[in-house]
Amino acid sequence: MSAMEKLIWNVLGYTAMPLIFLFGFIAVSVVACLVLMWLDKRKG
C-alpha cells in the first residue's frame, strides 16, 4: 500500500468510530422521544 492509501485508511478508521457512536446515540434518543410521546398521547 502506498502512503496515501495508508493515510486514507487511517483517517477512515479514526473517524468511523466516533461517528458510529454519535449516530447511535442520536438514533436512541430520537426513538426514546418518539416512544415517550406515543405513550403520553395514548395515556391522554
PDB file of N, CA and C in Angstrom:
ATOM      1  N   MET A   1       0.841  -1.200   0.000  1.00  0.00           N
ATOM      2  CA  MET A   1       0.000   0.000   0.000  1.00  0.00           C
ATOM      3  C   MET A   1       0.877   1.251   0.000  1.00  0.00           C
ATOM      4  N   SER A   2       0.444   2.225  -0.738  1.00  0.00           N
ATOM      5  CA  SER A   2       1.189   3.487  -0.748  1.00  0.00           C
ATOM      6  C   SER A   2       0.895   4.281   0.518  1.00  0.00           C
ATOM      7  N   ALA A   3       1.680   5.324   0.724  1.00  0.00           N
ATOM      8  CA  ALA A   3       1.498   6.159   1.919  1.00  0.00           C
ATOM      9  C   ALA A   3       0.128   6.835   1.892  1.00  0.00           C
ATOM     10  N   MET A   4      -0.299   7.227   0.681  1.00  0.00           N
ATOM     11  CA  MET A   4      -1.598   7.900   0.545  1.00  0.00           C
ATOM     12  C   MET A   4      -2.725   6.964   0.980  1.00  0.00           C
ATOM     13  N   GLU A   5      -2.665   5.708   0.511  1.00  0.00           N
ATOM     14  CA  GLU A   5      -3.689   4.732   0.887  1.00  0.00           C
ATOM     15  C   GLU A   5      -3.716   4.511   2.399  1.00  0.00           C
ATOM     16  N   LYS A   6      -2.522   4.397   2.990  1.00  0.00           N
ATOM     17  CA  LYS A   6      -2.431   4.216   4.445  1.00  0.00           C
ATOM     18  C   LYS A   6      -3.079   5.384   5.173  1.00  0.00           C
ATOM     19  N   LEU A   7      -2.789   6.589   4.693  1.00  0.00           N
ATOM     20  CA  LEU A   7      -3.348   7.791   5.311  1.00  0.00           C
ATOM     21  C   LEU A   7      -4.874   7.769   5.226  1.00  0.00           C
ATOM     22  N   ILE A   8      -5.389   7.445   4.041  1.00  0.00           N
ATOM     23  CA  ILE A   8      -6.847   7.410   3.853  1.00  0.00           C
ATOM     24  C   ILE A   8      -7.483   6.393   4.793  1.00  0.00           C
ATOM     25  N   TRP A   9      -6.914   5.197   4.883  1.00  0.00           N
ATOM     26  CA  TRP A   9      -7.480   4.167   5.761  1.00  0.00           C
ATOM     27  C   TRP A   9      -7.393   4.566   7.226  1.00  0.00           C
ATOM     28  N   ASN A  10      -6.298   5.232   7.617  1.00  0.00           N
ATOM     29  CA  ASN A  10      -6.181   5.704   9.000  1.00  0.00           C
ATOM     30  C   ASN A  10      -7.264   6.722   9.316  1.00  0.00           C
ATOM     31  N   VAL A  11      -7.455   7.684   8.411  1.00  0.00           N
ATOM     32  CA  VAL A  11      -8.475   8.715   8.620  1.00  0.00           C
ATOM     33  C   VAL A  11      -9.855   8.070   8.704  1.00  0.00           C
ATOM     34  N   LEU A  12     -10.145   7.149   7.781  1.00  0.00           N
ATOM     35  CA  LEU A  12     -11.448   6.466   7.799  1.00  0.00           C
ATOM     36  C   LEU A  12     -11.639   5.700   9.100  1.00  0.00           C
ATOM     37  N   GLY A  13     -10.605   4.996   9.520  1.00  0.00           N
ATOM     38  CA  GLY A  13     -10.691   4.205  10.743  1.00  0.00           C
ATOM     39  C   GLY A  13     -10.934   5.051  11.973  1.00  0.00           C
ATOM     40  N   TYR A  14     -10.247   6.198  12.050  1.00  0.00           N
ATOM     41  CA  TYR A  14     -10.370   7.025  13.249  1.00  0.00           C
ATOM     42  C   TYR A  14     -11.631   7.873  13.251  1.00  0.00           C
ATOM     43  N   THR A  15     -12.203   8.161  12.076  1.00  0.00           N
ATOM     44  CA  THR A  15     -13.438   8.956  12.057  1.00  0.00           C
ATOM     45  C   THR A  15     -14.677   8.072  12.125  1.00  0.00           C
ATOM     46  N   ALA A  16     -14.550   6.799  11.738  1.00  0.00           N
ATOM     47  CA  ALA A  16     -15.724   5.922  11.732  1.00  0.00           C
ATOM     48  C   ALA A  16     -16.248   5.672  13.143  1.00  0.00           C
ATOM     49  N   MET A  17     -15.350   5.394  14.088  1.00  0.00           N
ATOM     50  CA  MET A  17     -15.773   5.043  15.444  1.00  0.00           C
ATOM     51  C   MET A  17     -16.618   6.135  16.107  1.00  0.00           C
ATOM     52  N   PRO A  18     -16.121   7.372  16.225  1.00  0.00           N
ATOM     53  CA  PRO A  18     -16.935   8.419  16.859  1.00  0.00           C
ATOM     54  C   PRO A  18     -18.248   8.659  16.123  1.00  0.00           C
ATOM     55  N   LEU A  19     -18.212   8.575  14.786  1.00  0.00           N
ATOM     56  CA  LEU A  19     -19.446   8.791  14.023  1.00  0.00           C
ATOM     57  C   LEU A  19     -20.474   7.722  14.343  1.00  0.00           C
ATOM     58  N   ILE A  20     -20.025   6.457  14.441  1.00  0.00           N
ATOM     59  CA  ILE A  20     -20.944   5.367  14.778  1.00  0.00           C
ATOM     60  C   ILE A  20     -21.552   5.608  16.158  1.00  0.00           C
ATOM     61  N   PHE A  21     -20.710   5.980  17.133  1.00  0.00           N
ATOM     62  CA  PHE A  21     -21.220   6.257  18.478  1.00  0.00           C
ATOM     63  C   PHE A  21     -22.210   7.413  18.455  1.00  0.00           C
ATOM     64  N   LEU A  22     -21.853   8.482  17.732  1.00  0.00           N
ATOM     65  CA  LEU A  22     -22.694   9.679  17.678  1.00  0.00           C
ATOM     66  C   LEU A  22     -24.047   9.365  17.059  1.00  0.00           C
ATOM     67  N   PHE A  23     -24.033   8.688  15.888  1.00  0.00           N
ATOM     68  CA  PHE A  23     -25.296   8.380  15.226  1.00  0.00           C
ATOM     69  C   PHE A  23     -26.122   7.390  16.035  1.00  0.00           C
ATOM     70  N   GLY A  24     -25.466   6.452  16.703  1.00  0.00           N
ATOM     71  CA  GLY A  24     -26.186   5.523  17.571  1.00  0.00           C
ATOM     72  C   GLY A  24     -26.868   6.255  18.702  1.00  0.00           C
ATOM     73  N   PHE A  25     -26.156   7.202  19.316  1.00  0.00           N
ATOM     74  CA  PHE A  25     -26.720   7.987  20.412  1.00  0.00           C
ATOM     75  C   PHE A  25     -27.910   8.807  19.934  1.00  0.00           C
ATOM     76  N   ILE A  26     -27.757   9.456  18.762  1.00  0.00           N
ATOM     77  CA  ILE A  26     -28.850  10.263  18.206  1.00  0.00           C
ATOM     78  C   ILE A  26     -30.060   9.386  17.913  1.00  0.00           C
ATOM     79  N   ALA A  27     -29.834   8.224  17.302  1.00  0.00           N
ATOM     80  CA  ALA A  27     -30.940   7.324  16.971  1.00  0.00           C
ATOM     81  C   ALA A  27     -31.670   6.875  18.229  1.00  0.00           C
ATOM     82  N   VAL A  28     -30.923   6.507  19.264  1.00  0.00           N
ATOM     83  CA  VAL A  28     -31.541   6.050  20.514  1.00  0.00           C
ATOM     84  C   VAL A  28     -32.359   7.166  21.146  1.00  0.00           C
ATOM     85  N   SER A  29     -31.830   8.391  21.158  1.00  0.00           N
ATOM     86  CA  SER A  29     -32.578   9.484  21.783  1.00  0.00           C
ATOM     87  C   SER A  29     -33.830   9.827  20.988  1.00  0.00           C
ATOM     88  N   VAL A  30     -33.759   9.781  19.662  1.00  0.00           N
ATOM     89  CA  VAL A  30     -34.943  10.052  18.838  1.00  0.00           C
ATOM     90  C   VAL A  30     -36.008   8.995  19.088  1.00  0.00           C
ATOM     91  N   VAL A  31     -35.609   7.724  19.094  1.00  0.00           N
ATOM     92  CA  VAL A  31     -36.569   6.642  19.336  1.00  0.00           C
ATOM     93  C   VAL A  31     -37.177   6.773  20.728  1.00  0.00           C
ATOM     94  N   ALA A  32     -36.353   7.088  21.723  1.00  0.00           N
ATOM     95  CA  ALA A  32     -36.860   7.243  23.086  1.00  0.00           C
ATOM     96  C   ALA A  32     -37.886   8.371  23.153  1.00  0.00           C
ATOM     97  N   CYS A  33     -37.594   9.500  22.509  1.00  0.00           N
ATOM     98  CA  CYS A  33     -38.542  10.623  22.498  1.00  0.00           C
ATOM     99  C   CYS A  33     -39.843  10.228  21.819  1.00  0.00           C
ATOM    100  N   LEU A  34     -39.751   9.527  20.687  1.00  0.00           N
ATOM    101  CA  LEU A  34     -40.962   9.116  19.974  1.00  0.00           C
ATOM    102  C   LEU A  34     -41.804   8.173  20.823  1.00  0.00           C
ATOM    103  N   VAL A  35     -41.163   7.211  21.480  1.00  0.00           N
ATOM    104  CA  VAL A  35     -41.889   6.261  22.330  1.00  0.00           C
ATOM    105  C   VAL A  35     -42.557   6.992  23.487  1.00  0.00           C
ATOM    106  N   LEU A  36     -41.825   7.916  24.119  1.00  0.00           N
ATOM    107  CA  LEU A  36     -42.406   8.662  25.240  1.00  0.00           C
ATOM    108  C   LEU A  36     -43.588   9.513  24.779  1.00  0.00           C
ATOM    109  N   MET A  37     -43.453  10.162  23.627  1.00  0.00           N
ATOM    110  CA  MET A  37     -44.559  10.967  23.105  1.00  0.00           C
ATOM    111  C   MET A  37     -45.765  10.087  22.799  1.00  0.00           C
ATOM    112  N   TRP A  38     -45.499   8.898  22.206  1.00  0.00           N
ATOM    113  CA  TRP A  38     -46.575   7.976  21.856  1.00  0.00           C
ATOM    114  C   TRP A  38     -47.291   7.482  23.115  1.00  0.00           C
ATOM    115  N   LEU A  39     -46.517   7.133  24.156  1.00  0.00           N
ATOM    116  CA  LEU A  39     -47.122   6.674  25.409  1.00  0.00           C
ATOM    117  C   LEU A  39     -47.930   7.793  26.060  1.00  0.00           C
ATOM    118  N   ASP A  40     -47.414   9.010  26.014  1.00  0.00           N
ATOM    119  CA  ASP A  40     -48.108  10.157  26.598  1.00  0.00           C
ATOM    120  C   ASP A  40     -49.422  10.408  25.865  1.00  0.00           C
ATOM    121  N   LYS A  41     -49.386  10.293  24.536  1.00  0.00           N
ATOM    122  CA  LYS A  41     -50.584  10.512  23.730  1.00  0.00           C
ATOM    123  C   LYS A  41     -51.625   9.430  24.018  1.00  0.00           C
ATOM    124  N   ARG A  42     -51.140   8.189  24.183  1.00  0.00           N
ATOM    125  CA  ARG A  42     -52.053   7.075  24.460  1.00  0.00           C
ATOM    126  C   ARG A  42     -52.728   7.240  25.812  1.00  0.00           C
ATOM    127  N   LYS A  43     -51.953   7.741  26.779  1.00  0.00           N
ATOM    128  CA  LYS A  43     -52.468   7.913  28.135  1.00  0.00           C
ATOM    129  C   LYS A  43     -53.497   9.050  28.172  1.00  0.00           C
ATOM    130  N   GLY A  44     -53.225  10.096  27.406  1.00  0.00           N
ATOM    131  CA  GLY A  44     -54.029  11.295  27.456  1.00  0.00           C
ATOM    132  C   GLY A  44     -55.302  11.241  26.701  1.00  0.00           C
TER     133      GLY A  44
END
